[in-house]
Amino acid sequence: MIFKVLIVLLCSLLLTACSDVEDQLNKDYGKEQPRPRQLSTDDALAEEFRDQVMPILEKRCVVCHGCYDALAN
């Protein structure tokens, strides 16, 4: 019985602590502003990804992890 009470108290403590964190984050960084995950192809961020990040991924990652019969699948 004591074990169940301790578990309930621990869970309630964790839940109340999490609610305070959100308020502090909003105060420090402002409210969240979600953006769409897909960008148009002519967007500046998409262009930067295509020009700077994609070549690195193709040279370093896709070589080993690119398909089912790859070395490090």
PDB file of N, CA and C in Angstrom:
ATOM      1  N   MET A   1       0.831  -1.203   0.000  1.00  0.00           N
ATOM      2  CA  MET A   1       0.000   0.000   0.000  1.00  0.00           C
ATOM      3  C   MET A   1       0.871   1.261   0.000  1.00  0.00           C
ATOM      4  N   ILE A   2       1.919   1.247   0.808  1.00  0.00           N
ATOM      5  CA  ILE A   2       2.799   2.414   0.881  1.00  0.00           C
ATOM      6  C   ILE A   2       3.484   2.640  -0.462  1.00  0.00           C
ATOM      7  N   PHE A   3       3.830   1.542  -1.139  1.00  0.00           N
ATOM      8  CA  PHE A   3       4.475   1.647  -2.449  1.00  0.00           C
ATOM      9  C   PHE A   3       3.567   2.344  -3.451  1.00  0.00           C
ATOM     10  N   LYS A   4       2.289   2.018  -3.439  1.00  0.00           N
ATOM     11  CA  LYS A   4       1.341   2.661  -4.358  1.00  0.00           C
ATOM     12  C   LYS A   4       1.219   4.148  -4.068  1.00  0.00           C
ATOM     13  N   VAL A   5       1.197   4.512  -2.807  1.00  0.00           N
ATOM     14  CA  VAL A   5       1.095   5.919  -2.425  1.00  0.00           C
ATOM     15  C   VAL A   5       2.344   6.675  -2.887  1.00  0.00           C
ATOM     16  N   LEU A   6       3.498   6.063  -2.716  1.00  0.00           N
ATOM     17  CA  LEU A   6       4.733   6.707  -3.155  1.00  0.00           C
ATOM     18  C   LEU A   6       4.760   6.899  -4.676  1.00  0.00           C
ATOM     19  N   ILE A   7       4.283   5.916  -5.404  1.00  0.00           N
ATOM     20  CA  ILE A   7       4.225   6.028  -6.863  1.00  0.00           C
ATOM     21  C   ILE A   7       3.282   7.157  -7.270  1.00  0.00           C
ATOM     22  N   VAL A   8       2.130   7.247  -6.658  1.00  0.00           N
ATOM     23  CA  VAL A   8       1.172   8.310  -6.975  1.00  0.00           C
ATOM     24  C   VAL A   8       1.765   9.677  -6.644  1.00  0.00           C
ATOM     25  N   LEU A   9       2.421   9.794  -5.511  1.00  0.00           N
ATOM     26  CA  LEU A   9       3.033  11.068  -5.135  1.00  0.00           C
ATOM     27  C   LEU A   9       4.158  11.452  -6.097  1.00  0.00           C
ATOM     28  N   LEU A  10       4.949  10.486  -6.494  1.00  0.00           N
ATOM     29  CA  LEU A  10       6.033  10.752  -7.435  1.00  0.00           C
ATOM     30  C   LEU A  10       5.495  11.204  -8.792  1.00  0.00           C
ATOM     31  N   CYS A  11       4.472  10.522  -9.271  1.00  0.00           N
ATOM     32  CA  CYS A  11       3.867  10.910 -10.552  1.00  0.00           C
ATOM     33  C   CYS A  11       3.259  12.301 -10.490  1.00  0.00           C
ATOM     34  N   SER A  12       2.569  12.614  -9.416  1.00  0.00           N
ATOM     35  CA  SER A  12       1.961  13.942  -9.292  1.00  0.00           C
ATOM     36  C   SER A  12       3.030  15.020  -9.183  1.00  0.00           C
ATOM     37  N   LEU A  13       4.127  14.710  -8.513  1.00  0.00           N
ATOM     38  CA  LEU A  13       5.225  15.669  -8.417  1.00  0.00           C
ATOM     39  C   LEU A  13       5.838  15.929  -9.793  1.00  0.00           C
ATOM     40  N   LEU A  14       6.036  14.880 -10.568  1.00  0.00           N
ATOM     41  CA  LEU A  14       6.588  15.046 -11.912  1.00  0.00           C
ATOM     42  C   LEU A  14       5.655  15.848 -12.807  1.00  0.00           C
ATOM     43  N   LEU A  15       4.360  15.594 -12.714  1.00  0.00           N
ATOM     44  CA  LEU A  15       3.404  16.319 -13.555  1.00  0.00           C
ATOM     45  C   LEU A  15       3.339  17.791 -13.188  1.00  0.00           C
ATOM     46  N   THR A  16       3.385  18.118 -11.927  1.00  0.00           N
ATOM     47  CA  THR A  16       3.341  19.529 -11.541  1.00  0.00           C
ATOM     48  C   THR A  16       4.633  20.231 -11.900  1.00  0.00           C
ATOM     49  N   ALA A  17       5.750  19.537 -11.847  1.00  0.00           N
ATOM     50  CA  ALA A  17       7.027  20.153 -12.224  1.00  0.00           C
ATOM     51  C   ALA A  17       7.047  20.456 -13.717  1.00  0.00           C
ATOM     52  N   CYS A  18       6.474  19.608 -14.528  1.00  0.00           N
ATOM     53  CA  CYS A  18       6.453  19.828 -15.976  1.00  0.00           C
ATOM     54  C   CYS A  18       5.606  21.041 -16.345  1.00  0.00           C
ATOM     55  N   SER A  19       4.549  21.288 -15.616  1.00  0.00           N
ATOM     56  CA  SER A  19       3.700  22.437 -15.939  1.00  0.00           C
ATOM     57  C   SER A  19       4.419  23.749 -15.671  1.00  0.00           C
ATOM     58  N   ASP A  20       5.302  23.776 -14.679  1.00  0.00           N
ATOM     59  CA  ASP A  20       6.064  24.988 -14.393  1.00  0.00           C
ATOM     60  C   ASP A  20       7.119  25.251 -15.455  1.00  0.00           C
ATOM     61  N   VAL A  21       7.648  24.218 -16.026  1.00  0.00           N
ATOM     62  CA  VAL A  21       8.686  24.373 -17.043  1.00  0.00           C
ATOM     63  C   VAL A  21       8.135  25.088 -18.270  1.00  0.00           C
ATOM     64  N   GLU A  22       6.934  24.760 -18.670  1.00  0.00           N
ATOM     65  CA  GLU A  22       6.354  25.400 -19.849  1.00  0.00           C
ATOM     66  C   GLU A  22       6.206  26.899 -19.644  1.00  0.00           C
ATOM     67  N   ASP A  23       5.764  27.309 -18.483  1.00  0.00           N
ATOM     68  CA  ASP A  23       5.623  28.738 -18.212  1.00  0.00           C
ATOM     69  C   ASP A  23       6.977  29.440 -18.264  1.00  0.00           C
ATOM     70  N   GLN A  24       7.992  28.807 -17.706  1.00  0.00           N
ATOM     71  CA  GLN A  24       9.320  29.414 -17.715  1.00  0.00           C
ATOM     72  C   GLN A  24       9.883  29.496 -19.132  1.00  0.00           C
ATOM     73  N   LEU A  25       9.672  28.454 -19.934  1.00  0.00           N
ATOM     74  CA  LEU A  25      10.135  28.491 -21.322  1.00  0.00           C
ATOM     75  C   LEU A  25       9.427  29.583 -22.113  1.00  0.00           C
ATOM     76  N   ASN A  26       8.130  29.740 -21.906  1.00  0.00           N
ATOM     77  CA  ASN A  26       7.397  30.800 -22.592  1.00  0.00           C
ATOM     78  C   ASN A  26       7.902  32.172 -22.182  1.00  0.00           C
ATOM     79  N   LYS A  27       8.254  32.324 -20.927  1.00  0.00           N
ATOM     80  CA  LYS A  27       8.769  33.601 -20.458  1.00  0.00           C
ATOM     81  C   LYS A  27      10.149  33.879 -21.073  1.00  0.00           C
ATOM     82  N   ASP A  28      10.998  32.862 -21.138  1.00  0.00           N
ATOM     83  CA  ASP A  28      12.355  33.043 -21.646  1.00  0.00           C
ATOM     84  C   ASP A  28      12.406  33.206 -23.162  1.00  0.00           C
ATOM     85  N   TYR A  29      11.636  32.380 -23.893  1.00  0.00           N
ATOM     86  CA  TYR A  29      11.774  32.321 -25.346  1.00  0.00           C
ATOM     87  C   TYR A  29      10.535  32.751 -26.114  1.00  0.00           C
ATOM     88  N   GLY A  30       9.445  33.072 -25.446  1.00  0.00           N
ATOM     89  CA  GLY A  30       8.212  33.438 -26.126  1.00  0.00           C
ATOM     90  C   GLY A  30       7.378  32.212 -26.452  1.00  0.00           C
ATOM     91  N   LYS A  31       6.168  32.439 -26.910  1.00  0.00           N
ATOM     92  CA  LYS A  31       5.268  31.332 -27.251  1.00  0.00           C
ATOM     93  C   LYS A  31       5.808  30.581 -28.454  1.00  0.00           C
ATOM     94  N   GLU A  32       5.479  29.290 -28.507  1.00  0.00           N
ATOM     95  CA  GLU A  32       5.928  28.483 -29.634  1.00  0.00           C
ATOM     96  C   GLU A  32       5.251  28.945 -30.918  1.00  0.00           C
ATOM     97  N   GLN A  33       5.990  28.860 -31.992  1.00  0.00           N
ATOM     98  CA  GLN A  33       5.491  29.280 -33.300  1.00  0.00           C
ATOM     99  C   GLN A  33       5.803  28.183 -34.309  1.00  0.00           C
ATOM    100  N   PRO A  34       4.963  27.159 -34.362  1.00  0.00           N
ATOM    101  CA  PRO A  34       5.248  26.062 -35.291  1.00  0.00           C
ATOM    102  C   PRO A  34       5.162  26.527 -36.744  1.00  0.00           C
ATOM    103  N   ARG A  35       6.043  25.948 -37.556  1.00  0.00           N
ATOM    104  CA  ARG A  35       6.081  26.258 -38.978  1.00  0.00           C
ATOM    105  C   ARG A  35       5.788  24.994 -39.764  1.00  0.00           C
ATOM    106  N   PRO A  36       5.334  25.131 -40.990  1.00  0.00           N
ATOM    107  CA  PRO A  36       5.131  23.940 -41.811  1.00  0.00           C
ATOM    108  C   PRO A  36       6.464  23.244 -42.056  1.00  0.00           C
ATOM    109  N   ARG A  37       6.437  21.923 -42.108  1.00  0.00           N
ATOM    110  CA  ARG A  37       7.675  21.161 -42.255  1.00  0.00           C
ATOM    111  C   ARG A  37       8.153  21.085 -43.697  1.00  0.00           C
ATOM    112  N   GLN A  38       7.274  21.226 -44.637  1.00  0.00           N
ATOM    113  CA  GLN A  38       7.676  21.157 -46.028  1.00  0.00           C
ATOM    114  C   GLN A  38       7.808  22.562 -46.588  1.00  0.00           C
ATOM    115  N   LEU A  39       8.910  22.784 -47.262  1.00  0.00           N
ATOM    116  CA  LEU A  39       9.173  24.084 -47.861  1.00  0.00           C
ATOM    117  C   LEU A  39       9.032  23.975 -49.373  1.00  0.00           C
ATOM    118  N   SER A  40       8.718  25.063 -49.998  1.00  0.00           N
ATOM    119  CA  SER A  40       8.692  25.066 -51.460  1.00  0.00           C
ATOM    120  C   SER A  40      10.130  24.980 -51.970  1.00  0.00           C
ATOM    121  N   THR A  41      10.296  24.517 -53.176  1.00  0.00           N
ATOM    122  CA  THR A  41      11.647  24.298 -53.705  1.00  0.00           C
ATOM    123  C   THR A  41      12.419  25.592 -53.919  1.00  0.00           C
ATOM    124  N   ASP A  42      11.729  26.703 -54.055  1.00  0.00           N
ATOM    125  CA  ASP A  42      12.427  27.968 -54.260  1.00  0.00           C
ATOM    126  C   ASP A  42      12.621  28.762 -52.969  1.00  0.00           C
ATOM    127  N   ASP A  43      12.305  28.165 -51.828  1.00  0.00           N
ATOM    128  CA  ASP A  43      12.519  28.814 -50.542  1.00  0.00           C
ATOM    129  C   ASP A  43      14.016  28.880 -50.237  1.00  0.00           C
ATOM    130  N   ALA A  44      14.455  29.905 -49.497  1.00  0.00           N
ATOM    131  CA  ALA A  44      15.872  30.095 -49.200  1.00  0.00           C
ATOM    132  C   ALA A  44      16.434  28.948 -48.350  1.00  0.00           C
ATOM    133  N   LEU A  45      15.654  28.459 -47.380  1.00  0.00           N
ATOM    134  CA  LEU A  45      16.129  27.343 -46.549  1.00  0.00           C
ATOM    135  C   LEU A  45      16.242  26.056 -47.349  1.00  0.00           C
ATOM    136  N   ALA A  46      15.313  25.819 -48.246  1.00  0.00           N
ATOM    137  CA  ALA A  46      15.379  24.629 -49.089  1.00  0.00           C
ATOM    138  C   ALA A  46      16.576  24.705 -50.028  1.00  0.00           C
ATOM    139  N   GLU A  47      16.837  25.874 -50.530  1.00  0.00           N
ATOM    140  CA  GLU A  47      17.984  26.066 -51.414  1.00  0.00           C
ATOM    141  C   GLU A  47      19.299  25.855 -50.659  1.00  0.00           C
ATOM    142  N   GLU A  48      19.359  26.362 -49.431  1.00  0.00           N
ATOM    143  CA  GLU A  48      20.557  26.171 -48.609  1.00  0.00           C
ATOM    144  C   GLU A  48      20.771  24.689 -48.295  1.00  0.00           C
ATOM    145  N   PHE A  49      19.700  23.968 -47.964  1.00  0.00           N
ATOM    146  CA  PHE A  49      19.801  22.543 -47.709  1.00  0.00           C
ATOM    147  C   PHE A  49      20.302  21.806 -48.947  1.00  0.00           C
ATOM    148  N   ARG A  50      19.726  22.121 -50.083  1.00  0.00           N
ATOM    149  CA  ARG A  50      20.093  21.449 -51.331  1.00  0.00           C
ATOM    150  C   ARG A  50      21.550  21.727 -51.705  1.00  0.00           C
ATOM    151  N   ASP A  51      22.025  22.947 -51.456  1.00  0.00           N
ATOM    152  CA  ASP A  51      23.374  23.321 -51.874  1.00  0.00           C
ATOM    153  C   ASP A  51      24.453  22.939 -50.863  1.00  0.00           C
ATOM    154  N   GLN A  52      24.139  22.991 -49.563  1.00  0.00           N
ATOM    155  CA  GLN A  52      25.181  22.804 -48.558  1.00  0.00           C
ATOM    156  C   GLN A  52      25.071  21.481 -47.801  1.00  0.00           C
ATOM    157  N   VAL A  53      23.884  21.063 -47.456  1.00  0.00           N
ATOM    158  CA  VAL A  53      23.721  19.881 -46.612  1.00  0.00           C
ATOM    159  C   VAL A  53      23.616  18.608 -47.435  1.00  0.00           C
ATOM    160  N   MET A  54      22.848  18.629 -48.498  1.00  0.00           N
ATOM    161  CA  MET A  54      22.615  17.430 -49.292  1.00  0.00           C
ATOM    162  C   MET A  54      23.902  16.817 -49.857  1.00  0.00           C
ATOM    163  N   PRO A  55      24.856  17.610 -50.353  1.00  0.00           N
ATOM    164  CA  PRO A  55      26.107  16.992 -50.824  1.00  0.00           C
ATOM    165  C   PRO A  55      26.863  16.259 -49.719  1.00  0.00           C
ATOM    166  N   ILE A  56      26.849  16.786 -48.507  1.00  0.00           N
ATOM    167  CA  ILE A  56      27.513  16.115 -47.388  1.00  0.00           C
ATOM    168  C   ILE A  56      26.818  14.803 -47.073  1.00  0.00           C
ATOM    169  N   LEU A  57      25.483  14.808 -47.047  1.00  0.00           N
ATOM    170  CA  LEU A  57      24.741  13.582 -46.784  1.00  0.00           C
ATOM    171  C   LEU A  57      25.011  12.535 -47.857  1.00  0.00           C
ATOM    172  N   GLU A  58      25.075  12.961 -49.086  1.00  0.00           N
ATOM    173  CA  GLU A  58      25.315  12.019 -50.181  1.00  0.00           C
ATOM    174  C   GLU A  58      26.719  11.429 -50.121  1.00  0.00           C
ATOM    175  N   LYS A  59      27.712  12.222 -49.743  1.00  0.00           N
ATOM    176  CA  LYS A  59      29.086  11.731 -49.685  1.00  0.00           C
ATOM    177  C   LYS A  59      29.344  10.887 -48.440  1.00  0.00           C
ATOM    178  N   ARG A  60      28.771  11.274 -47.301  1.00  0.00           N
ATOM    179  CA  ARG A  60      29.128  10.650 -46.030  1.00  0.00           C
ATOM    180  C   ARG A  60      28.121   9.620 -45.530  1.00  0.00           C
ATOM    181  N   CYS A  61      26.853   9.769 -45.833  1.00  0.00           N
ATOM    182  CA  CYS A  61      25.828   8.919 -45.218  1.00  0.00           C
ATOM    183  C   CYS A  61      25.199   7.927 -46.190  1.00  0.00           C
ATOM    184  N   VAL A  62      24.791   8.419 -47.337  1.00  0.00           N
ATOM    185  CA  VAL A  62      24.048   7.588 -48.276  1.00  0.00           C
ATOM    186  C   VAL A  62      24.912   6.457 -48.814  1.00  0.00           C
ATOM    187  N   VAL A  63      26.215   6.657 -48.835  1.00  0.00           N
ATOM    188  CA  VAL A  63      27.115   5.623 -49.333  1.00  0.00           C
ATOM    189  C   VAL A  63      26.929   4.325 -48.547  1.00  0.00           C
ATOM    190  N   CYS A  64      26.847   4.418 -47.234  1.00  0.00           N
ATOM    191  CA  CYS A  64      26.706   3.218 -46.395  1.00  0.00           C
ATOM    192  C   CYS A  64      25.261   2.910 -46.014  1.00  0.00           C
ATOM    193  N   HIS A  65      24.438   3.913 -45.865  1.00  0.00           N
ATOM    194  CA  HIS A  65      23.090   3.732 -45.346  1.00  0.00           C
ATOM    195  C   HIS A  65      22.012   3.965 -46.391  1.00  0.00           C
ATOM    196  N   GLY A  66      22.351   3.947 -47.663  1.00  0.00           N
ATOM    197  CA  GLY A  66      21.446   4.371 -48.713  1.00  0.00           C
ATOM    198  C   GLY A  66      20.387   3.369 -49.137  1.00  0.00           C
ATOM    199  N   CYS A  67      20.662   2.074 -49.058  1.00  0.00           N
ATOM    200  CA  CYS A  67      19.685   1.106 -49.536  1.00  0.00           C
ATOM    201  C   CYS A  67      19.763  -0.166 -48.692  1.00  0.00           C
ATOM    202  N   TYR A  68      18.936  -1.123 -49.004  1.00  0.00           N
ATOM    203  CA  TYR A  68      18.827  -2.320 -48.175  1.00  0.00           C
ATOM    204  C   TYR A  68      20.079  -3.188 -48.193  1.00  0.00           C
ATOM    205  N   ASP A  69      20.835  -3.185 -49.277  1.00  0.00           N
ATOM    206  CA  ASP A  69      22.027  -4.023 -49.333  1.00  0.00           C
ATOM    207  C   ASP A  69      23.304  -3.235 -49.030  1.00  0.00           C
ATOM    208  N   ALA A  70      23.161  -2.092 -48.382  1.00  0.00           N
ATOM    209  CA  ALA A  70      24.316  -1.273 -48.045  1.00  0.00           C
ATOM    210  C   ALA A  70      25.134  -1.914 -46.925  1.00  0.00           C
ATOM    211  N   LEU A  71      26.372  -1.459 -46.763  1.00  0.00           N
ATOM    212  CA  LEU A  71      27.278  -2.012 -45.769  1.00  0.00           C
ATOM    213  C   LEU A  71      26.772  -1.852 -44.341  1.00  0.00           C
ATOM    214  N   ALA A  72      26.345  -0.683 -43.978  1.00  0.00           N
ATOM    215  CA  ALA A  72      25.918  -0.398 -42.602  1.00  0.00           C
ATOM    216  C   ALA A  72      24.428  -0.113 -42.553  1.00  0.00           C
ATOM    217  N   ASN A  73      23.650  -1.046 -43.005  1.00  0.00           N
ATOM    218  CA  ASN A  73      22.214  -0.826 -43.060  1.00  0.00           C
ATOM    219  C   ASN A  73      21.594  -0.788 -41.716  1.00  0.00           C
TER     220      ASN A  73
END
